[in-house]
């Protein structure tokens, strides 16, 4: 998720009262009418969030999106022979 996407969530939830459950957050975003914000908050883990920082820490991030990785590079990382205990985007890939 990039900064622009997070801005949609912040705007949609700016007047939300915390603590709030995931369902309350999704309903609030749906009432606001921003489909990008709704899509992002629907991916949240089921929990009760104390504040916006707590919510932000739980949003699933896609590091490849922030780094501008191409789909082919992401696929190379997924196929690499490194241990699967290492995140795909951190694996080094032989570029030859």
Protein backbone atom coordinates (compact mmCIF):
# COMPACT_ATOMS: atom_id res chain seq x y z
CA UNK A 1 0.00 0.00 0.00
CA UNK A 2 1.42 3.32 -0.94
CA UNK A 3 1.09 6.66 0.84
CA UNK A 4 -1.75 7.75 -1.41
CA UNK A 5 -3.82 4.71 -0.46
CA UNK A 6 -3.22 5.33 3.23
CA UNK A 7 -4.34 8.93 2.73
CA UNK A 8 -7.71 7.60 1.49
CA UNK A 9 -8.09 5.56 4.67
CA UNK A 10 -7.12 8.50 6.89
CA UNK A 11 -9.63 10.77 5.17
CA UNK A 12 -12.44 8.21 5.28
CA UNK A 13 -11.87 7.50 8.97
CA UNK A 14 -11.01 11.02 10.13
CA UNK A 15 -14.15 11.32 12.27
CA UNK A 16 -14.26 7.70 13.51
CA UNK A 17 -14.45 7.27 17.28
CA UNK A 18 -11.87 4.86 18.69
CA UNK A 19 -11.68 2.18 19.99
CA UNK A 20 -13.38 0.55 17.02
CA UNK A 21 -13.75 -3.00 15.78
CA UNK A 22 -12.88 -4.04 12.25
CA UNK A 23 -16.60 -4.21 11.39
CA UNK A 24 -17.18 -0.67 12.67
CA UNK A 25 -14.20 0.56 10.66
CA UNK A 26 -15.43 -1.11 7.47
CA UNK A 27 -18.97 0.25 7.95
CA UNK A 28 -17.62 3.75 8.53
CA UNK A 29 -15.48 3.60 5.38
CA UNK A 30 -18.46 2.31 3.38
CA UNK A 31 -20.59 5.22 4.61
CA UNK A 32 -17.85 7.62 3.54
CA UNK A 33 -18.03 6.11 0.06
CA UNK A 34 -14.34 5.78 -0.81
CA UNK A 35 -13.91 2.37 -2.47
CA UNK A 36 -10.11 2.42 -2.06
CA UNK A 37 -10.42 2.95 1.68
CA UNK A 38 -13.08 0.23 1.93
CA UNK A 39 -10.88 -2.24 0.03
CA UNK A 40 -7.94 -1.57 2.36
CA UNK A 41 -9.84 -1.76 5.64
CA UNK A 42 -11.60 -4.98 4.61
CA UNK A 43 -8.14 -6.59 4.55
CA UNK A 44 -7.50 -5.72 8.21
CA UNK A 45 -7.21 -8.54 10.74
CA UNK A 46 -10.22 -8.94 13.01
CA UNK A 47 -9.43 -6.88 16.10
CA UNK A 48 -10.39 -3.84 18.10
CA UNK A 49 -8.22 -0.85 17.18
CA UNK A 50 -7.42 1.74 19.84
CA UNK A 51 -6.41 4.60 17.54
CA UNK A 52 -5.30 5.47 14.02
CA UNK A 53 -1.69 4.47 14.76
CA UNK A 54 -2.86 1.04 15.91
CA UNK A 55 -4.86 0.74 12.71
CA UNK A 56 -1.93 1.82 10.54
CA UNK A 57 0.33 -0.78 12.16
CA UNK A 58 -2.16 -3.51 11.21
CA UNK A 59 -2.57 -2.57 7.56
CA UNK A 60 -1.01 -5.17 5.30
CA UNK A 61 1.84 -3.58 3.43
CA UNK A 62 3.19 -4.62 0.04
CA UNK A 63 6.85 -3.59 0.09
CA UNK A 64 7.19 -4.33 -3.64
CA UNK A 65 4.59 -1.67 -4.37
CA UNK A 66 6.61 0.93 -2.51
CA UNK A 67 9.87 -0.11 -4.16
CA UNK A 68 8.41 -0.18 -7.67
CA UNK A 69 9.19 -3.84 -8.32
CA UNK A 70 7.92 -5.20 -11.60
CA UNK A 71 5.72 -8.31 -11.64
CA UNK A 72 8.51 -10.27 -13.33
CA UNK A 73 10.98 -9.36 -10.58
CA UNK A 74 8.46 -10.34 -7.92
CA UNK A 75 8.03 -13.71 -9.68
CA UNK A 76 11.81 -14.22 -9.75
CA UNK A 77 11.95 -13.59 -6.02
CA UNK A 78 9.17 -16.10 -5.44
CA UNK A 79 11.05 -18.77 -7.43
CA UNK A 80 14.42 -18.16 -5.79
CA UNK A 81 16.13 -21.03 -3.97
CA UNK A 82 16.44 -19.10 -0.70
CA UNK A 83 14.75 -20.30 2.42
CA UNK A 84 11.07 -19.51 2.47
CA UNK A 85 11.62 -18.01 5.90
CA UNK A 86 12.96 -14.92 4.12
CA UNK A 87 10.39 -12.49 2.73
CA UNK A 88 10.24 -12.67 -1.07
CA UNK A 89 11.11 -9.02 -1.58
CA UNK A 90 14.26 -9.43 0.52
CA UNK A 91 15.61 -12.40 -1.41
CA UNK A 92 18.55 -11.77 -3.70
CA UNK A 93 18.01 -12.95 -7.25
CA UNK A 94 20.71 -13.92 -9.74
CA UNK A 95 20.27 -11.35 -12.53
CA UNK A 96 22.33 -13.33 -15.09
